[in-house]
Amino acid sequence: MERTGAAGLAAGGVMRLGGEVRSPRVVAMDDLRSLPQQERAVTFTCRKSGVRRHAFSGPLLLDVAALAGPAFVPNERKDRLRFLISLRGADGHLVVLSWAEIDPEFGNGPVLLGVTRDGLALDDEGPQLVVPGDVCGARNVSGIVELRIFSEPAGR
């Protein structure tokens, strides 16, 4: 029996990419492994369990989001600044990042979707959002089942 999380999405390594994109799709752990892999050691503080240290590997969030073809206005570099990325875990935990945080021309943050944690595959629980540099681990969401890209309307 397939586990489901928020909005009835499958957990355990399958994630939907959607929103304001040209190529919505479903991405499996093998798809994430086929992208260039990065490694990051992170330390963060959890309110309940204290200091946590882990080593993650996986593709950059930028590379994963690019698979869906965000609907940026062509040749308008600053248009990307209007876009947000929401990531939802199987448990319903939702995190929103700005596109500028991960864009190489702006924040260039090395945010990952981890496919391994401390050398162990995350196939059973699904990819984990890893935000290096965060003091609190609240944005390090496990079991990501949905990634949506959307924008603030221009001219508001």
N, C-alpha and C. Protein backbone atom coordinates (compact mmCIF):
# COMPACT_ATOMS: atom_id res chain seq x y z
N MET A 1 0.84 -1.18 0.00
CA MET A 1 0.00 0.00 0.00
C MET A 1 0.88 1.23 0.00
N GLU A 2 0.56 2.19 -0.84
CA GLU A 2 1.35 3.40 -0.98
C GLU A 2 0.99 4.40 0.11
N ARG A 3 2.03 4.95 0.77
CA ARG A 3 1.79 5.99 1.77
C ARG A 3 1.48 7.29 1.05
N THR A 4 0.57 8.06 1.61
CA THR A 4 0.29 9.36 1.03
C THR A 4 0.42 10.42 2.10
N GLY A 5 0.77 11.63 1.64
CA GLY A 5 0.92 12.76 2.55
C GLY A 5 -0.07 13.83 2.19
N ALA A 6 0.37 15.07 2.38
CA ALA A 6 -0.49 16.23 2.10
C ALA A 6 -1.02 16.16 0.68
N ALA A 7 -2.27 16.52 0.54
CA ALA A 7 -2.94 16.57 -0.76
C ALA A 7 -2.97 15.21 -1.46
N GLY A 8 -2.77 14.10 -0.70
CA GLY A 8 -2.86 12.78 -1.28
C GLY A 8 -1.70 12.40 -2.17
N LEU A 9 -0.59 13.10 -2.06
CA LEU A 9 0.56 12.80 -2.91
C LEU A 9 1.32 11.61 -2.35
N ALA A 10 1.92 10.85 -3.24
CA ALA A 10 2.67 9.67 -2.83
C ALA A 10 3.93 10.06 -2.08
N ALA A 11 4.23 9.38 -1.00
CA ALA A 11 5.48 9.57 -0.27
C ALA A 11 6.43 8.46 -0.66
N GLY A 12 7.67 8.56 -0.21
CA GLY A 12 8.62 7.50 -0.47
C GLY A 12 9.33 7.64 -1.78
N GLY A 13 9.70 8.87 -2.13
CA GLY A 13 10.57 9.05 -3.27
C GLY A 13 9.93 9.54 -4.54
N VAL A 14 8.66 9.91 -4.53
CA VAL A 14 8.03 10.46 -5.71
C VAL A 14 7.58 11.88 -5.38
N MET A 15 7.94 12.82 -6.25
CA MET A 15 7.64 14.22 -6.00
C MET A 15 7.06 14.84 -7.27
N ARG A 16 6.02 15.64 -7.09
CA ARG A 16 5.42 16.35 -8.22
C ARG A 16 6.05 17.73 -8.35
N LEU A 17 6.37 18.11 -9.59
CA LEU A 17 6.84 19.46 -9.91
C LEU A 17 5.72 20.13 -10.68
N GLY A 18 5.32 21.32 -10.24
CA GLY A 18 4.23 21.99 -10.92
C GLY A 18 4.21 23.47 -10.62
N GLY A 19 3.07 24.08 -10.90
CA GLY A 19 2.90 25.52 -10.72
C GLY A 19 3.00 26.23 -12.05
N GLU A 20 3.62 27.41 -12.02
CA GLU A 20 3.79 28.20 -13.24
C GLU A 20 5.04 27.70 -13.97
N VAL A 21 4.87 26.57 -14.64
CA VAL A 21 5.98 25.91 -15.32
C VAL A 21 5.54 25.45 -16.70
N ARG A 22 6.51 25.22 -17.56
CA ARG A 22 6.23 24.75 -18.92
C ARG A 22 6.14 23.23 -19.00
N SER A 23 6.78 22.52 -18.08
CA SER A 23 6.83 21.05 -18.14
C SER A 23 6.56 20.43 -16.77
N PRO A 24 5.32 20.47 -16.30
CA PRO A 24 5.04 19.80 -15.02
C PRO A 24 5.36 18.32 -15.16
N ARG A 25 5.77 17.72 -14.07
CA ARG A 25 6.18 16.31 -14.13
C ARG A 25 6.22 15.70 -12.75
N VAL A 26 6.36 14.39 -12.74
CA VAL A 26 6.61 13.65 -11.52
C VAL A 26 8.07 13.21 -11.58
N VAL A 27 8.76 13.37 -10.46
CA VAL A 27 10.19 13.06 -10.38
C VAL A 27 10.39 12.00 -9.31
N ALA A 28 11.11 10.95 -9.65
CA ALA A 28 11.42 9.88 -8.71
C ALA A 28 12.85 10.05 -8.19
N MET A 29 13.19 9.30 -7.18
CA MET A 29 14.53 9.38 -6.60
C MET A 29 15.61 9.08 -7.64
N ASP A 30 15.37 8.15 -8.55
CA ASP A 30 16.35 7.86 -9.60
C ASP A 30 16.57 9.07 -10.50
N ASP A 31 15.50 9.83 -10.76
CA ASP A 31 15.64 11.06 -11.55
C ASP A 31 16.53 12.06 -10.82
N LEU A 32 16.35 12.16 -9.51
CA LEU A 32 17.17 13.08 -8.72
C LEU A 32 18.63 12.63 -8.71
N ARG A 33 18.84 11.32 -8.65
CA ARG A 33 20.21 10.79 -8.67
C ARG A 33 20.90 11.00 -10.02
N SER A 34 20.10 11.14 -11.09
CA SER A 34 20.69 11.31 -12.42
C SER A 34 21.21 12.74 -12.64
N LEU A 35 20.84 13.66 -11.78
CA LEU A 35 21.33 15.04 -11.87
C LEU A 35 22.69 15.14 -11.20
N PRO A 36 23.48 16.18 -11.50
CA PRO A 36 24.77 16.35 -10.80
C PRO A 36 24.54 16.39 -9.29
N GLN A 37 25.37 15.66 -8.57
CA GLN A 37 25.23 15.55 -7.12
C GLN A 37 26.20 16.48 -6.39
N GLN A 38 25.72 17.04 -5.30
CA GLN A 38 26.52 17.88 -4.41
C GLN A 38 26.54 17.23 -3.04
N GLU A 39 27.54 17.56 -2.26
CA GLU A 39 27.61 17.07 -0.88
C GLU A 39 27.68 18.26 0.05
N ARG A 40 26.95 18.19 1.15
CA ARG A 40 26.95 19.26 2.13
C ARG A 40 26.90 18.66 3.54
N ALA A 41 27.77 19.14 4.40
CA ALA A 41 27.69 18.83 5.83
C ALA A 41 26.95 20.00 6.46
N VAL A 42 25.93 19.71 7.24
CA VAL A 42 25.14 20.77 7.86
C VAL A 42 25.03 20.54 9.36
N THR A 43 24.96 21.63 10.07
CA THR A 43 24.71 21.63 11.51
C THR A 43 23.58 22.60 11.76
N PHE A 44 22.57 22.15 12.47
CA PHE A 44 21.46 23.04 12.80
C PHE A 44 20.92 22.64 14.16
N THR A 45 20.16 23.54 14.73
CA THR A 45 19.59 23.33 16.05
C THR A 45 18.10 23.08 15.94
N CYS A 46 17.67 21.98 16.50
CA CYS A 46 16.25 21.66 16.57
C CYS A 46 15.74 22.06 17.95
N ARG A 47 14.58 22.64 17.99
CA ARG A 47 14.00 23.07 19.26
C ARG A 47 13.82 21.88 20.20
N LYS A 48 13.41 20.74 19.66
CA LYS A 48 13.12 19.58 20.49
C LYS A 48 14.32 18.69 20.77
N SER A 49 15.24 18.56 19.78
CA SER A 49 16.32 17.59 19.95
C SER A 49 17.72 18.20 19.99
N GLY A 50 17.81 19.52 19.99
CA GLY A 50 19.12 20.16 20.12
C GLY A 50 19.91 20.19 18.83
N VAL A 51 21.24 20.21 18.96
CA VAL A 51 22.12 20.33 17.80
C VAL A 51 22.14 19.02 17.02
N ARG A 52 21.99 19.13 15.70
CA ARG A 52 22.01 17.97 14.81
C ARG A 52 23.08 18.20 13.75
N ARG A 53 23.83 17.19 13.42
CA ARG A 53 24.85 17.25 12.37
C ARG A 53 24.60 16.11 11.40
N HIS A 54 24.56 16.46 10.11
CA HIS A 54 24.34 15.45 9.08
C HIS A 54 25.14 15.79 7.84
N ALA A 55 25.40 14.77 7.04
CA ALA A 55 26.01 14.95 5.72
C ALA A 55 24.99 14.48 4.69
N PHE A 56 24.70 15.36 3.74
CA PHE A 56 23.71 15.06 2.71
C PHE A 56 24.37 15.06 1.34
N SER A 57 23.80 14.30 0.42
CA SER A 57 24.17 14.41 -0.99
C SER A 57 22.88 14.43 -1.79
N GLY A 58 22.95 15.15 -2.92
CA GLY A 58 21.80 15.25 -3.80
C GLY A 58 21.98 16.40 -4.76
N PRO A 59 21.02 16.58 -5.65
CA PRO A 59 21.12 17.67 -6.62
C PRO A 59 20.75 19.02 -5.98
N LEU A 60 21.24 20.07 -6.60
CA LEU A 60 20.83 21.40 -6.18
C LEU A 60 19.34 21.59 -6.46
N LEU A 61 18.67 22.29 -5.59
CA LEU A 61 17.26 22.61 -5.80
C LEU A 61 17.07 23.34 -7.12
N LEU A 62 18.01 24.19 -7.48
CA LEU A 62 17.96 24.93 -8.74
C LEU A 62 17.87 23.97 -9.93
N ASP A 63 18.67 22.91 -9.92
CA ASP A 63 18.67 21.94 -11.03
C ASP A 63 17.35 21.18 -11.10
N VAL A 64 16.79 20.85 -9.93
CA VAL A 64 15.52 20.12 -9.91
C VAL A 64 14.39 21.02 -10.41
N ALA A 65 14.33 22.25 -9.90
CA ALA A 65 13.29 23.19 -10.32
C ALA A 65 13.39 23.49 -11.81
N ALA A 66 14.59 23.54 -12.34
CA ALA A 66 14.79 23.83 -13.77
C ALA A 66 14.18 22.74 -14.65
N LEU A 67 14.06 21.50 -14.15
CA LEU A 67 13.45 20.42 -14.92
C LEU A 67 12.03 20.77 -15.36
N ALA A 68 11.34 21.55 -14.53
CA ALA A 68 9.95 21.88 -14.82
C ALA A 68 9.82 23.08 -15.77
N GLY A 69 10.92 23.79 -16.04
CA GLY A 69 10.86 24.94 -16.94
C GLY A 69 10.03 26.08 -16.40
N PRO A 70 10.51 26.75 -15.33
CA PRO A 70 9.75 27.87 -14.77
C PRO A 70 9.36 28.87 -15.85
N ALA A 71 8.18 29.43 -15.72
CA ALA A 71 7.61 30.32 -16.74
C ALA A 71 8.11 31.76 -16.58
N PHE A 72 9.43 31.92 -16.60
CA PHE A 72 10.01 33.26 -16.56
C PHE A 72 9.78 33.96 -17.89
N VAL A 73 9.72 35.29 -17.85
CA VAL A 73 9.66 36.06 -19.09
C VAL A 73 11.05 35.95 -19.74
N PRO A 74 11.13 35.45 -20.98
CA PRO A 74 12.44 35.29 -21.64
C PRO A 74 13.20 36.61 -21.73
N ASN A 75 14.49 36.52 -21.51
CA ASN A 75 15.41 37.65 -21.61
C ASN A 75 15.13 38.77 -20.62
N GLU A 76 14.39 38.48 -19.57
CA GLU A 76 14.12 39.46 -18.51
C GLU A 76 14.69 38.90 -17.21
N ARG A 77 15.97 39.13 -16.99
CA ARG A 77 16.66 38.55 -15.84
C ARG A 77 15.95 38.84 -14.53
N LYS A 78 15.50 40.06 -14.33
CA LYS A 78 14.87 40.43 -13.06
C LYS A 78 13.48 39.80 -12.88
N ASP A 79 12.89 39.28 -13.94
CA ASP A 79 11.59 38.61 -13.80
C ASP A 79 11.67 37.45 -12.82
N ARG A 80 12.82 36.79 -12.78
CA ARG A 80 13.00 35.65 -11.86
C ARG A 80 12.81 36.06 -10.40
N LEU A 81 13.02 37.34 -10.10
CA LEU A 81 12.92 37.80 -8.72
C LEU A 81 11.49 37.75 -8.18
N ARG A 82 10.50 37.62 -9.06
CA ARG A 82 9.09 37.54 -8.65
C ARG A 82 8.68 36.13 -8.23
N PHE A 83 9.53 35.14 -8.48
CA PHE A 83 9.13 33.75 -8.31
C PHE A 83 9.48 33.18 -6.94
N LEU A 84 8.59 32.30 -6.50
CA LEU A 84 8.74 31.61 -5.22
C LEU A 84 8.68 30.10 -5.48
N ILE A 85 9.26 29.35 -4.57
CA ILE A 85 9.26 27.89 -4.66
C ILE A 85 8.67 27.37 -3.35
N SER A 86 7.59 26.64 -3.43
CA SER A 86 7.03 26.01 -2.23
C SER A 86 7.35 24.51 -2.29
N LEU A 87 7.73 23.99 -1.15
CA LEU A 87 8.03 22.56 -1.03
C LEU A 87 7.22 22.01 0.12
N ARG A 88 6.52 20.90 -0.15
CA ARG A 88 5.66 20.30 0.86
C ARG A 88 6.14 18.89 1.17
N GLY A 89 6.26 18.62 2.47
CA GLY A 89 6.62 17.28 2.92
C GLY A 89 5.40 16.39 3.02
N ALA A 90 5.62 15.09 3.07
CA ALA A 90 4.53 14.12 3.19
C ALA A 90 3.72 14.35 4.46
N ASP A 91 4.33 14.96 5.46
CA ASP A 91 3.63 15.22 6.72
C ASP A 91 2.87 16.55 6.70
N GLY A 92 2.88 17.26 5.54
CA GLY A 92 2.18 18.53 5.42
C GLY A 92 3.04 19.75 5.68
N HIS A 93 4.27 19.56 6.19
CA HIS A 93 5.18 20.69 6.45
C HIS A 93 5.42 21.43 5.13
N LEU A 94 5.25 22.74 5.14
CA LEU A 94 5.39 23.56 3.94
C LEU A 94 6.44 24.63 4.17
N VAL A 95 7.33 24.78 3.20
CA VAL A 95 8.38 25.80 3.24
C VAL A 95 8.34 26.55 1.91
N VAL A 96 8.52 27.86 1.97
CA VAL A 96 8.58 28.68 0.77
C VAL A 96 9.91 29.40 0.73
N LEU A 97 10.59 29.30 -0.42
CA LEU A 97 11.85 30.01 -0.66
C LEU A 97 11.65 30.94 -1.85
N SER A 98 12.43 31.99 -1.91
CA SER A 98 12.39 32.83 -3.11
C SER A 98 13.35 32.24 -4.13
N TRP A 99 13.01 32.40 -5.41
CA TRP A 99 13.89 31.93 -6.47
C TRP A 99 15.27 32.59 -6.33
N ALA A 100 15.27 33.87 -5.94
CA ALA A 100 16.53 34.61 -5.82
C ALA A 100 17.50 33.97 -4.83
N GLU A 101 16.99 33.26 -3.81
CA GLU A 101 17.87 32.62 -2.84
C GLU A 101 18.78 31.59 -3.48
N ILE A 102 18.31 30.91 -4.54
CA ILE A 102 19.08 29.83 -5.15
C ILE A 102 19.67 30.19 -6.50
N ASP A 103 19.26 31.31 -7.07
CA ASP A 103 19.72 31.72 -8.40
C ASP A 103 21.18 32.15 -8.36
N PRO A 104 22.02 31.62 -9.25
CA PRO A 104 23.46 31.96 -9.25
C PRO A 104 23.75 33.45 -9.44
N GLU A 105 22.84 34.20 -10.05
CA GLU A 105 23.07 35.63 -10.24
C GLU A 105 22.60 36.47 -9.05
N PHE A 106 22.00 35.84 -8.06
CA PHE A 106 21.50 36.58 -6.91
C PHE A 106 22.06 35.94 -5.64
N GLY A 107 21.27 35.20 -4.87
CA GLY A 107 21.75 34.63 -3.60
C GLY A 107 22.70 33.46 -3.75
N ASN A 108 22.54 32.69 -4.83
CA ASN A 108 23.40 31.54 -5.13
C ASN A 108 23.51 30.56 -3.96
N GLY A 109 22.43 30.37 -3.21
CA GLY A 109 22.45 29.45 -2.07
C GLY A 109 22.53 28.01 -2.52
N PRO A 110 23.40 27.22 -1.88
CA PRO A 110 23.59 25.81 -2.25
C PRO A 110 22.53 24.89 -1.65
N VAL A 111 21.26 25.22 -1.88
CA VAL A 111 20.16 24.43 -1.33
C VAL A 111 20.04 23.12 -2.11
N LEU A 112 19.93 22.02 -1.38
CA LEU A 112 19.87 20.68 -1.99
C LEU A 112 18.53 20.01 -1.77
N LEU A 113 18.28 19.04 -2.61
CA LEU A 113 17.28 18.02 -2.32
C LEU A 113 18.09 16.75 -2.05
N GLY A 114 18.27 16.46 -0.79
CA GLY A 114 19.10 15.33 -0.41
C GLY A 114 18.47 14.00 -0.78
N VAL A 115 19.28 13.13 -1.37
CA VAL A 115 18.84 11.76 -1.66
C VAL A 115 19.54 10.76 -0.73
N THR A 116 20.58 11.25 -0.02
CA THR A 116 21.21 10.46 1.04
C THR A 116 21.42 11.36 2.25
N ARG A 117 21.36 10.75 3.43
CA ARG A 117 21.67 11.43 4.69
C ARG A 117 22.63 10.52 5.44
N ASP A 118 23.80 11.06 5.75
CA ASP A 118 24.82 10.31 6.48
C ASP A 118 25.14 8.99 5.77
N GLY A 119 25.17 9.03 4.44
CA GLY A 119 25.53 7.88 3.63
C GLY A 119 24.41 6.89 3.36
N LEU A 120 23.23 7.11 3.92
CA LEU A 120 22.11 6.19 3.74
C LEU A 120 21.09 6.77 2.77
N ALA A 121 20.64 5.95 1.84
CA ALA A 121 19.65 6.40 0.86
C ALA A 121 18.33 6.76 1.54
N LEU A 122 17.69 7.80 1.04
CA LEU A 122 16.41 8.26 1.58
C LEU A 122 15.23 7.76 0.75
N ASP A 123 15.41 6.65 0.07
CA ASP A 123 14.38 6.14 -0.83
C ASP A 123 13.04 5.90 -0.14
N ASP A 124 13.04 5.40 1.07
CA ASP A 124 11.78 5.09 1.76
C ASP A 124 11.03 6.34 2.19
N GLU A 125 11.75 7.40 2.56
CA GLU A 125 11.05 8.60 3.02
C GLU A 125 10.97 9.70 1.97
N GLY A 126 11.78 9.63 0.94
CA GLY A 126 11.76 10.65 -0.10
C GLY A 126 12.83 11.70 0.13
N PRO A 127 12.99 12.61 -0.83
CA PRO A 127 14.07 13.60 -0.76
C PRO A 127 13.87 14.57 0.40
N GLN A 128 14.97 15.10 0.88
CA GLN A 128 14.94 16.07 1.98
C GLN A 128 15.48 17.41 1.51
N LEU A 129 14.73 18.46 1.77
CA LEU A 129 15.20 19.81 1.52
C LEU A 129 16.30 20.11 2.53
N VAL A 130 17.44 20.58 2.04
CA VAL A 130 18.59 20.90 2.89
C VAL A 130 18.99 22.33 2.61
N VAL A 131 18.90 23.19 3.64
CA VAL A 131 19.22 24.60 3.49
C VAL A 131 20.46 24.88 4.34
N PRO A 132 21.67 24.70 3.76
CA PRO A 132 22.90 24.94 4.52
C PRO A 132 22.94 26.38 5.03
N GLY A 133 23.46 26.54 6.21
CA GLY A 133 23.59 27.88 6.77
C GLY A 133 22.44 28.27 7.68
N ASP A 134 21.30 27.59 7.60
CA ASP A 134 20.20 27.88 8.53
C ASP A 134 20.63 27.47 9.93
N VAL A 135 20.36 28.30 10.90
CA VAL A 135 20.66 27.98 12.29
C VAL A 135 19.66 26.96 12.82
N CYS A 136 18.40 27.21 12.56
CA CYS A 136 17.33 26.30 12.96
C CYS A 136 17.08 25.33 11.81
N GLY A 137 16.76 24.10 12.13
CA GLY A 137 16.55 23.10 11.09
C GLY A 137 15.14 23.04 10.53
N ALA A 138 14.30 24.02 10.82
CA ALA A 138 12.89 23.95 10.42
C ALA A 138 12.69 23.92 8.91
N ARG A 139 13.62 24.49 8.13
CA ARG A 139 13.45 24.45 6.67
C ARG A 139 14.06 23.18 6.06
N ASN A 140 14.68 22.34 6.84
CA ASN A 140 15.21 21.07 6.35
C ASN A 140 14.11 20.02 6.42
N VAL A 141 13.22 20.09 5.44
CA VAL A 141 12.00 19.27 5.43
C VAL A 141 12.28 17.92 4.78
N SER A 142 11.86 16.85 5.44
CA SER A 142 12.06 15.52 4.87
C SER A 142 10.80 15.06 4.15
N GLY A 143 11.00 14.08 3.27
CA GLY A 143 9.88 13.48 2.55
C GLY A 143 9.15 14.46 1.63
N ILE A 144 9.90 15.23 0.84
CA ILE A 144 9.28 16.20 -0.05
C ILE A 144 8.45 15.45 -1.10
N VAL A 145 7.17 15.84 -1.22
CA VAL A 145 6.27 15.21 -2.19
C VAL A 145 5.80 16.18 -3.26
N GLU A 146 6.01 17.48 -3.03
CA GLU A 146 5.54 18.46 -4.01
C GLU A 146 6.44 19.68 -4.01
N LEU A 147 6.78 20.12 -5.22
CA LEU A 147 7.53 21.35 -5.44
C LEU A 147 6.72 22.19 -6.42
N ARG A 148 6.32 23.39 -6.00
CA ARG A 148 5.53 24.29 -6.86
C ARG A 148 6.31 25.57 -7.05
N ILE A 149 6.29 26.08 -8.26
CA ILE A 149 6.91 27.35 -8.60
C ILE A 149 5.80 28.31 -8.99
N PHE A 150 5.78 29.48 -8.38
CA PHE A 150 4.73 30.43 -8.69
C PHE A 150 5.30 31.84 -8.51
N SER A 151 4.56 32.82 -9.03
CA SER A 151 5.06 34.19 -9.01
C SER A 151 4.07 35.15 -8.36
N GLU A 152 4.62 36.23 -7.93
CA GLU A 152 3.82 37.39 -7.53
C GLU A 152 3.50 38.11 -8.82
N PRO A 153 2.27 38.42 -9.09
CA PRO A 153 1.94 39.10 -10.35
C PRO A 153 2.70 40.42 -10.50
N ALA A 154 3.19 40.67 -11.69
CA ALA A 154 3.91 41.92 -11.97
C ALA A 154 2.93 43.09 -11.92
N GLY A 155 3.43 44.25 -11.54
CA GLY A 155 2.64 45.46 -11.60
C GLY A 155 1.65 45.64 -10.47
N ARG A 156 1.81 44.93 -9.38
CA ARG A 156 0.89 45.10 -8.24
C ARG A 156 1.27 46.29 -7.45
